[in-house]
Amino acid sequence: MNRCGKPRCACHADPPKLHGPYTTWTRKIAGKTLTRRLTAEQAERYQPWFADNRRLRQLISELEALSLQAAEHAEGWGEK
């Protein structure tokens, strides 16, 4: 759900009547945010990719935490 750029649109009212819902795919490319609106068919077709990406991010977070623990243990950081 989002607002448009037209100042007199109902999406800017109080309470707002927002546009959507729209399925979007947002990512960073060369430091810039790129958002694409997806059709229902695209969203369904890409769902495994999105699930894989979520799992990859989860695994990266776990690996970062384990690396920090290993570094703290190896260097004696946090010990008194």
PDB file of N, CA and C in Angstrom:
ATOM      1  N   MET A   1       0.860  -1.171   0.000  1.00  0.00           N
ATOM      2  CA  MET A   1       0.000   0.000   0.000  1.00  0.00           C
ATOM      3  C   MET A   1       0.902   1.228   0.000  1.00  0.00           C
ATOM      4  N   ASN A   2       0.572   2.202  -0.859  1.00  0.00           N
ATOM      5  CA  ASN A   2       1.427   3.382  -0.922  1.00  0.00           C
ATOM      6  C   ASN A   2       0.655   4.613  -1.359  1.00  0.00           C
ATOM      7  N   ARG A   3       1.359   5.738  -1.324  1.00  0.00           N
ATOM      8  CA  ARG A   3       0.810   7.020  -1.757  1.00  0.00           C
ATOM      9  C   ARG A   3       1.424   7.387  -3.097  1.00  0.00           C
ATOM     10  N   CYS A   4       0.678   8.166  -3.871  1.00  0.00           N
ATOM     11  CA  CYS A   4       1.212   8.627  -5.149  1.00  0.00           C
ATOM     12  C   CYS A   4       1.741  10.058  -4.984  1.00  0.00           C
ATOM     13  N   GLY A   5       2.137  10.665  -6.078  1.00  0.00           N
ATOM     14  CA  GLY A   5       2.700  12.005  -6.023  1.00  0.00           C
ATOM     15  C   GLY A   5       1.695  13.110  -6.286  1.00  0.00           C
ATOM     16  N   LYS A   6       0.422  12.763  -6.446  1.00  0.00           N
ATOM     17  CA  LYS A   6      -0.606  13.770  -6.729  1.00  0.00           C
ATOM     18  C   LYS A   6      -1.137  14.331  -5.408  1.00  0.00           C
ATOM     19  N   PRO A   7      -0.918  15.612  -5.140  1.00  0.00           N
ATOM     20  CA  PRO A   7      -1.290  16.174  -3.838  1.00  0.00           C
ATOM     21  C   PRO A   7      -2.785  16.124  -3.528  1.00  0.00           C
ATOM     22  N   ARG A   8      -3.658  16.140  -4.532  1.00  0.00           N
ATOM     23  CA  ARG A   8      -5.108  16.152  -4.286  1.00  0.00           C
ATOM     24  C   ARG A   8      -5.720  14.749  -4.285  1.00  0.00           C
ATOM     25  N   CYS A   9      -4.909  13.731  -4.403  1.00  0.00           N
ATOM     26  CA  CYS A   9      -5.394  12.348  -4.434  1.00  0.00           C
ATOM     27  C   CYS A   9      -5.892  11.935  -3.045  1.00  0.00           C
ATOM     28  N   ALA A  10      -6.808  10.987  -3.017  1.00  0.00           N
ATOM     29  CA  ALA A  10      -7.366  10.485  -1.755  1.00  0.00           C
ATOM     30  C   ALA A  10      -6.307   9.805  -0.890  1.00  0.00           C
ATOM     31  N   CYS A  11      -5.186   9.436  -1.483  1.00  0.00           N
ATOM     32  CA  CYS A  11      -4.144   8.787  -0.682  1.00  0.00           C
ATOM     33  C   CYS A  11      -3.460   9.773   0.262  1.00  0.00           C
ATOM     34  N   HIS A  12      -3.696  11.067   0.076  1.00  0.00           N
ATOM     35  CA  HIS A  12      -3.124  12.085   0.967  1.00  0.00           C
ATOM     36  C   HIS A  12      -4.163  12.629   1.952  1.00  0.00           C
ATOM     37  N   ALA A  13      -5.374  12.079   1.921  1.00  0.00           N
ATOM     38  CA  ALA A  13      -6.447  12.538   2.803  1.00  0.00           C
ATOM     39  C   ALA A  13      -6.189  12.069   4.229  1.00  0.00           C
ATOM     40  N   ASP A  14      -7.046  12.508   5.149  1.00  0.00           N
ATOM     41  CA  ASP A  14      -6.953  12.087   6.537  1.00  0.00           C
ATOM     42  C   ASP A  14      -8.290  11.474   6.928  1.00  0.00           C
ATOM     43  N   PRO A  15      -8.452  10.179   7.047  1.00  0.00           N
ATOM     44  CA  PRO A  15      -7.439   9.139   6.879  1.00  0.00           C
ATOM     45  C   PRO A  15      -7.174   8.868   5.399  1.00  0.00           C
ATOM     46  N   PRO A  16      -5.982   8.423   5.083  1.00  0.00           N
ATOM     47  CA  PRO A  16      -5.639   8.184   3.686  1.00  0.00           C
ATOM     48  C   PRO A  16      -6.293   6.920   3.127  1.00  0.00           C
ATOM     49  N   LYS A  17      -6.596   6.952   1.837  1.00  0.00           N
ATOM     50  CA  LYS A  17      -7.059   5.769   1.110  1.00  0.00           C
ATOM     51  C   LYS A  17      -5.930   5.406   0.160  1.00  0.00           C
ATOM     52  N   LEU A  18      -5.052   4.534   0.646  1.00  0.00           N
ATOM     53  CA  LEU A  18      -3.827   4.222  -0.074  1.00  0.00           C
ATOM     54  C   LEU A  18      -4.074   3.365  -1.310  1.00  0.00           C
ATOM     55  N   HIS A  19      -3.151   3.448  -2.253  1.00  0.00           N
ATOM     56  CA  HIS A  19      -3.202   2.655  -3.477  1.00  0.00           C
ATOM     57  C   HIS A  19      -2.643   1.265  -3.195  1.00  0.00           C
ATOM     58  N   GLY A  20      -3.127   0.278  -3.911  1.00  0.00           N
ATOM     59  CA  GLY A  20      -2.569  -1.058  -3.784  1.00  0.00           C
ATOM     60  C   GLY A  20      -3.576  -2.024  -3.222  1.00  0.00           C
ATOM     61  N   PRO A  21      -3.157  -3.172  -2.789  1.00  0.00           N
ATOM     62  CA  PRO A  21      -1.771  -3.585  -2.584  1.00  0.00           C
ATOM     63  C   PRO A  21      -1.089  -3.984  -3.896  1.00  0.00           C
ATOM     64  N   TYR A  22       0.198  -3.741  -3.943  1.00  0.00           N
ATOM     65  CA  TYR A  22       1.016  -4.124  -5.076  1.00  0.00           C
ATOM     66  C   TYR A  22       2.137  -5.021  -4.568  1.00  0.00           C
ATOM     67  N   THR A  23       2.490  -5.997  -5.382  1.00  0.00           N
ATOM     68  CA  THR A  23       3.626  -6.843  -5.049  1.00  0.00           C
ATOM     69  C   THR A  23       4.848  -6.225  -5.698  1.00  0.00           C
ATOM     70  N   THR A  24       5.865  -5.920  -4.879  1.00  0.00           N
ATOM     71  CA  THR A  24       7.070  -5.286  -5.402  1.00  0.00           C
ATOM     72  C   THR A  24       8.296  -6.091  -5.029  1.00  0.00           C
ATOM     73  N   TRP A  25       9.331  -5.923  -5.822  1.00  0.00           N
ATOM     74  CA  TRP A  25      10.629  -6.562  -5.583  1.00  0.00           C
ATOM     75  C   TRP A  25      11.634  -5.432  -5.484  1.00  0.00           C
ATOM     76  N   THR A  26      12.210  -5.260  -4.306  1.00  0.00           N
ATOM     77  CA  THR A  26      13.142  -4.168  -4.052  1.00  0.00           C
ATOM     78  C   THR A  26      14.513  -4.743  -3.742  1.00  0.00           C
ATOM     79  N   ARG A  27      15.541  -4.159  -4.342  1.00  0.00           N
ATOM     80  CA  ARG A  27      16.907  -4.593  -4.092  1.00  0.00           C
ATOM     81  C   ARG A  27      17.858  -3.437  -4.351  1.00  0.00           C
ATOM     82  N   LYS A  28      19.102  -3.601  -3.907  1.00  0.00           N
ATOM     83  CA  LYS A  28      20.139  -2.594  -4.121  1.00  0.00           C
ATOM     84  C   LYS A  28      21.007  -3.027  -5.290  1.00  0.00           C
ATOM     85  N   ILE A  29      21.244  -2.101  -6.211  1.00  0.00           N
ATOM     86  CA  ILE A  29      22.149  -2.334  -7.331  1.00  0.00           C
ATOM     87  C   ILE A  29      23.061  -1.126  -7.422  1.00  0.00           C
ATOM     88  N   ALA A  30      24.367  -1.370  -7.278  1.00  0.00           N
ATOM     89  CA  ALA A  30      25.372  -0.305  -7.317  1.00  0.00           C
ATOM     90  C   ALA A  30      25.030   0.809  -6.332  1.00  0.00           C
ATOM     91  N   GLY A  31      24.554   0.416  -5.132  1.00  0.00           N
ATOM     92  CA  GLY A  31      24.269   1.388  -4.085  1.00  0.00           C
ATOM     93  C   GLY A  31      22.950   2.126  -4.231  1.00  0.00           C
ATOM     94  N   LYS A  32      22.172   1.809  -5.254  1.00  0.00           N
ATOM     95  CA  LYS A  32      20.884   2.474  -5.455  1.00  0.00           C
ATOM     96  C   LYS A  32      19.757   1.461  -5.291  1.00  0.00           C
ATOM     97  N   THR A  33      18.645   1.928  -4.712  1.00  0.00           N
ATOM     98  CA  THR A  33      17.491   1.069  -4.528  1.00  0.00           C
ATOM     99  C   THR A  33      16.703   0.995  -5.825  1.00  0.00           C
ATOM    100  N   LEU A  34      16.397  -0.230  -6.241  1.00  0.00           N
ATOM    101  CA  LEU A  34      15.614  -0.454  -7.444  1.00  0.00           C
ATOM    102  C   LEU A  34      14.380  -1.245  -7.049  1.00  0.00           C
ATOM    103  N   THR A  35      13.213  -0.743  -7.393  1.00  0.00           N
ATOM    104  CA  THR A  35      11.961  -1.405  -7.066  1.00  0.00           C
ATOM    105  C   THR A  35      11.204  -1.684  -8.353  1.00  0.00           C
ATOM    106  N   ARG A  36      10.729  -2.901  -8.492  1.00  0.00           N
ATOM    107  CA  ARG A  36       9.924  -3.294  -9.644  1.00  0.00           C
ATOM    108  C   ARG A  36       8.596  -3.833  -9.151  1.00  0.00           C
ATOM    109  N   ARG A  37       7.529  -3.448  -9.808  1.00  0.00           N
ATOM    110  CA  ARG A  37       6.220  -3.993  -9.500  1.00  0.00           C
ATOM    111  C   ARG A  37       6.081  -5.309 -10.267  1.00  0.00           C
ATOM    112  N   LEU A  38       5.618  -6.342  -9.575  1.00  0.00           N
ATOM    113  CA  LEU A  38       5.496  -7.663 -10.168  1.00  0.00           C
ATOM    114  C   LEU A  38       4.035  -8.017 -10.412  1.00  0.00           C
ATOM    115  N   THR A  39       3.800  -8.743 -11.498  1.00  0.00           N
ATOM    116  CA  THR A  39       2.473  -9.290 -11.721  1.00  0.00           C
ATOM    117  C   THR A  39       2.279 -10.456 -10.759  1.00  0.00           C
ATOM    118  N   ALA A  40       1.051 -10.899 -10.625  1.00  0.00           N
ATOM    119  CA  ALA A  40       0.776 -12.045  -9.753  1.00  0.00           C
ATOM    120  C   ALA A  40       1.528 -13.278 -10.253  1.00  0.00           C
ATOM    121  N   GLU A  41       1.608 -13.439 -11.564  1.00  0.00           N
ATOM    122  CA  GLU A  41       2.313 -14.589 -12.133  1.00  0.00           C
ATOM    123  C   GLU A  41       3.810 -14.515 -11.840  1.00  0.00           C
ATOM    124  N   GLN A  42       4.395 -13.331 -11.963  1.00  0.00           N
ATOM    125  CA  GLN A  42       5.818 -13.164 -11.655  1.00  0.00           C
ATOM    126  C   GLN A  42       6.083 -13.432 -10.183  1.00  0.00           C
ATOM    127  N   ALA A  43       5.244 -12.886  -9.325  1.00  0.00           N
ATOM    128  CA  ALA A  43       5.431 -13.077  -7.880  1.00  0.00           C
ATOM    129  C   ALA A  43       5.388 -14.562  -7.527  1.00  0.00           C
ATOM    130  N   GLU A  44       4.477 -15.291  -8.129  1.00  0.00           N
ATOM    131  CA  GLU A  44       4.395 -16.731  -7.868  1.00  0.00           C
ATOM    132  C   GLU A  44       5.622 -17.465  -8.416  1.00  0.00           C
ATOM    133  N   ARG A  45       6.031 -17.096  -9.623  1.00  0.00           N
ATOM    134  CA  ARG A  45       7.175 -17.747 -10.260  1.00  0.00           C
ATOM    135  C   ARG A  45       8.480 -17.473  -9.513  1.00  0.00           C
ATOM    136  N   TYR A  46       8.630 -16.267  -8.960  1.00  0.00           N
ATOM    137  CA  TYR A  46       9.863 -15.867  -8.278  1.00  0.00           C
ATOM    138  C   TYR A  46       9.879 -16.257  -6.801  1.00  0.00           C
ATOM    139  N   GLN A  47       8.766 -16.774  -6.278  1.00  0.00           N
ATOM    140  CA  GLN A  47       8.674 -17.077  -4.850  1.00  0.00           C
ATOM    141  C   GLN A  47       9.819 -17.957  -4.351  1.00  0.00           C
ATOM    142  N   PRO A  48      10.225 -19.004  -5.086  1.00  0.00           N
ATOM    143  CA  PRO A  48      11.370 -19.799  -4.609  1.00  0.00           C
ATOM    144  C   PRO A  48      12.651 -18.975  -4.507  1.00  0.00           C
ATOM    145  N   TRP A  49      12.845 -18.028  -5.404  1.00  0.00           N
ATOM    146  CA  TRP A  49      14.032 -17.165  -5.343  1.00  0.00           C
ATOM    147  C   TRP A  49      14.010 -16.327  -4.075  1.00  0.00           C
ATOM    148  N   PHE A  50      12.834 -15.776  -3.773  1.00  0.00           N
ATOM    149  CA  PHE A  50      12.713 -14.938  -2.582  1.00  0.00           C
ATOM    150  C   PHE A  50      12.940 -15.769  -1.323  1.00  0.00           C
ATOM    151  N   ALA A  51      12.423 -16.991  -1.289  1.00  0.00           N
ATOM    152  CA  ALA A  51      12.636 -17.871  -0.142  1.00  0.00           C
ATOM    153  C   ALA A  51      14.121 -18.204  -0.001  1.00  0.00           C
ATOM    154  N   ASP A  52      14.784 -18.479  -1.128  1.00  0.00           N
ATOM    155  CA  ASP A  52      16.224 -18.754  -1.087  1.00  0.00           C
ATOM    156  C   ASP A  52      16.996 -17.553  -0.553  1.00  0.00           C
ATOM    157  N   ASN A  53      16.605 -16.357  -0.970  1.00  0.00           N
ATOM    158  CA  ASN A  53      17.283 -15.141  -0.514  1.00  0.00           C
ATOM    159  C   ASN A  53      17.102 -14.944   0.984  1.00  0.00           C
ATOM    160  N   ARG A  54      15.877 -15.171   1.482  1.00  0.00           N
ATOM    161  CA  ARG A  54      15.637 -15.058   2.932  1.00  0.00           C
ATOM    162  C   ARG A  54      16.500 -16.058   3.693  1.00  0.00           C
ATOM    163  N   ARG A  55      16.589 -17.286   3.182  1.00  0.00           N
ATOM    164  CA  ARG A  55      17.395 -18.314   3.848  1.00  0.00           C
ATOM    165  C   ARG A  55      18.880 -17.944   3.814  1.00  0.00           C
ATOM    166  N   LEU A  56      19.351 -17.419   2.684  1.00  0.00           N
ATOM    167  CA  LEU A  56      20.743 -16.992   2.580  1.00  0.00           C
ATOM    168  C   LEU A  56      21.052 -15.898   3.589  1.00  0.00           C
ATOM    169  N   ARG A  57      20.179 -14.910   3.716  1.00  0.00           N
ATOM    170  CA  ARG A  57      20.394 -13.827   4.689  1.00  0.00           C
ATOM    171  C   ARG A  57      20.418 -14.367   6.117  1.00  0.00           C
ATOM    172  N   GLN A  58      19.542 -15.336   6.402  1.00  0.00           N
ATOM    173  CA  GLN A  58      19.521 -15.942   7.737  1.00  0.00           C
ATOM    174  C   GLN A  58      20.837 -16.661   8.000  1.00  0.00           C
ATOM    175  N   LEU A  59      21.319 -17.433   7.039  1.00  0.00           N
ATOM    176  CA  LEU A  59      22.576 -18.155   7.214  1.00  0.00           C
ATOM    177  C   LEU A  59      23.757 -17.202   7.368  1.00  0.00           C
ATOM    178  N   ILE A  60      23.762 -16.113   6.610  1.00  0.00           N
ATOM    179  CA  ILE A  60      24.830 -15.122   6.741  1.00  0.00           C
ATOM    180  C   ILE A  60      24.829 -14.516   8.143  1.00  0.00           C
ATOM    181  N   SER A  61      23.652 -14.198   8.665  1.00  0.00           N
ATOM    182  CA  SER A  61      23.562 -13.642  10.022  1.00  0.00           C
ATOM    183  C   SER A  61      24.096 -14.627  11.060  1.00  0.00           C
ATOM    184  N   GLU A  62      23.741 -15.897  10.886  1.00  0.00           N
ATOM    185  CA  GLU A  62      24.236 -16.917  11.819  1.00  0.00           C
ATOM    186  C   GLU A  62      25.756 -17.049  11.715  1.00  0.00           C
ATOM    187  N   LEU A  63      26.294 -17.032  10.507  1.00  0.00           N
ATOM    188  CA  LEU A  63      27.734 -17.135  10.310  1.00  0.00           C
ATOM    189  C   LEU A  63      28.459 -15.937  10.910  1.00  0.00           C
ATOM    190  N   GLU A  64      27.902 -14.740  10.753  1.00  0.00           N
ATOM    191  CA  GLU A  64      28.507 -13.549  11.350  1.00  0.00           C
ATOM    192  C   GLU A  64      28.556 -13.673  12.867  1.00  0.00           C
ATOM    193  N   ALA A  65      27.478 -14.152  13.474  1.00  0.00           N
ATOM    194  CA  ALA A  65      27.440 -14.309  14.932  1.00  0.00           C
ATOM    195  C   ALA A  65      28.472 -15.334  15.392  1.00  0.00           C
ATOM    196  N   LEU A  66      28.568 -16.448  14.676  1.00  0.00           N
ATOM    197  CA  LEU A  66      29.551 -17.466  15.036  1.00  0.00           C
ATOM    198  C   LEU A  66      30.979 -16.950  14.860  1.00  0.00           C
ATOM    199  N   SER A  67      31.227 -16.197  13.806  1.00  0.00           N
ATOM    200  CA  SER A  67      32.556 -15.621  13.577  1.00  0.00           C
ATOM    201  C   SER A  67      32.932 -14.668  14.693  1.00  0.00           C
ATOM    202  N   LEU A  68      31.985 -13.859  15.122  1.00  0.00           N
ATOM    203  CA  LEU A  68      32.248 -12.928  16.217  1.00  0.00           C
ATOM    204  C   LEU A  68      32.558 -13.682  17.506  1.00  0.00           C
ATOM    205  N   GLN A  69      31.796 -14.735  17.776  1.00  0.00           N
ATOM    206  CA  GLN A  69      32.066 -15.545  18.969  1.00  0.00           C
ATOM    207  C   GLN A  69      33.455 -16.179  18.896  1.00  0.00           C
ATOM    208  N   ALA A  70      33.824 -16.695  17.721  1.00  0.00           N
ATOM    209  CA  ALA A  70      35.141 -17.324  17.565  1.00  0.00           C
ATOM    210  C   ALA A  70      36.252 -16.296  17.752  1.00  0.00           C
ATOM    211  N   ALA A  71      36.090 -15.102  17.199  1.00  0.00           N
ATOM    212  CA  ALA A  71      37.100 -14.054  17.344  1.00  0.00           C
ATOM    213  C   ALA A  71      37.219 -13.629  18.801  1.00  0.00           C
ATOM    214  N   GLU A  72      36.089 -13.456  19.476  1.00  0.00           N
ATOM    215  CA  GLU A  72      36.116 -13.068  20.884  1.00  0.00           C
ATOM    216  C   GLU A  72      36.820 -14.132  21.720  1.00  0.00           C
ATOM    217  N   HIS A  73      36.548 -15.399  21.426  1.00  0.00           N
ATOM    218  CA  HIS A  73      37.196 -16.491  22.159  1.00  0.00           C
ATOM    219  C   HIS A  73      38.693 -16.537  21.861  1.00  0.00           C
ATOM    220  N   ALA A  74      39.061 -16.425  20.594  1.00  0.00           N
ATOM    221  CA  ALA A  74      40.468 -16.515  20.189  1.00  0.00           C
ATOM    222  C   ALA A  74      41.290 -15.355  20.730  1.00  0.00           C
ATOM    223  N   GLU A  75      40.720 -14.168  20.777  1.00  0.00           N
ATOM    224  CA  GLU A  75      41.458 -12.979  21.183  1.00  0.00           C
ATOM    225  C   GLU A  75      41.258 -12.663  22.670  1.00  0.00           C
ATOM    226  N   GLY A  76      40.368 -13.382  23.347  1.00  0.00           N
ATOM    227  CA  GLY A  76      40.136 -13.108  24.753  1.00  0.00           C
ATOM    228  C   GLY A  76      39.329 -11.848  24.986  1.00  0.00           C
ATOM    229  N   TRP A  77      38.638 -11.382  23.940  1.00  0.00           N
ATOM    230  CA  TRP A  77      37.798 -10.188  24.109  1.00  0.00           C
ATOM    231  C   TRP A  77      36.617 -10.518  25.005  1.00  0.00           C
ATOM    232  N   GLY A  78      36.249  -9.602  25.828  1.00  0.00           N
ATOM    233  CA  GLY A  78      35.111  -9.796  26.713  1.00  0.00           C
ATOM    234  C   GLY A  78      35.446 -10.535  27.994  1.00  0.00           C
ATOM    235  N   GLU A  79      36.657 -11.046  28.097  1.00  0.00           N
ATOM    236  CA  GLU A  79      37.064 -11.728  29.331  1.00  0.00           C
ATOM    237  C   GLU A  79      37.617 -10.702  30.302  1.00  0.00           C
ATOM    238  N   LYS A  80      37.503 -11.001  31.579  1.00  0.00           N
ATOM    239  CA  LYS A  80      38.003 -10.055  32.589  1.00  0.00           C
ATOM    240  C   LYS A  80      39.311 -10.498  33.135  1.00  0.00           C
TER     241      LYS A  80
END
